[in-house]
């Protein structure tokens, strides 16, 4: 999935990701939100308030800048717009953010277990998982603590809420979100079998080097 060169292209890809996220059970109804920007831009598009990710149209997106100002599109951005804004401000290399509510990731974390990376794909794409304690959605506390975690991690889990996955393009952000949920599902199944220790045996860099 090549990162688009126009804002219209960003919106088209985000619509496709939103539909797929709902089809795969990563989010329900008006939960979750998506955003993307062109490389180097101080403006980004984000899903509007109350939008359902499987029913998005181009009119459902708001254009905002990194100062938190609405500069185009739908006049009411997602209540989580700060989550996206603050992350973009600390990560110049990130051009897309997928914020969804994956069931196993949230459940495993809520039960006090670390999500374990078990496969090569988990290690390569997720690599590490940041975490925040619970903060109300749309709050400065949530946006700021998630952005602080995003300085070191491309996947950030928000307790009792959901996750944000970051990428240099939309495809990579969604790939990371999917791999995080797959890792959480695998962790959940391992726990059911009584296993509490198994993880990927080496670092991702070592695995690639010796492949």
Foldseek 3Di string as FASTA:
>chain_A
DDFDPDQVSQQVVQLVLLLVCVVVPQADQQDWKKKFDHQPDQKIKIFFDRDRSNDDDQQRIFIAGLVGDTDDHDPGHHLQVLLVSLQCVLDSLWGIKTWTAGDLLQVCVQVPADQFAADLLLQVQFVDEAEDEADDHSDPVNSNRQSVSSNPGQWYAYHPGTIMGTDSHPVSSSSNRVSSSVSSVVCVVCVVVVDRDHHHPDHSVVVVVVD
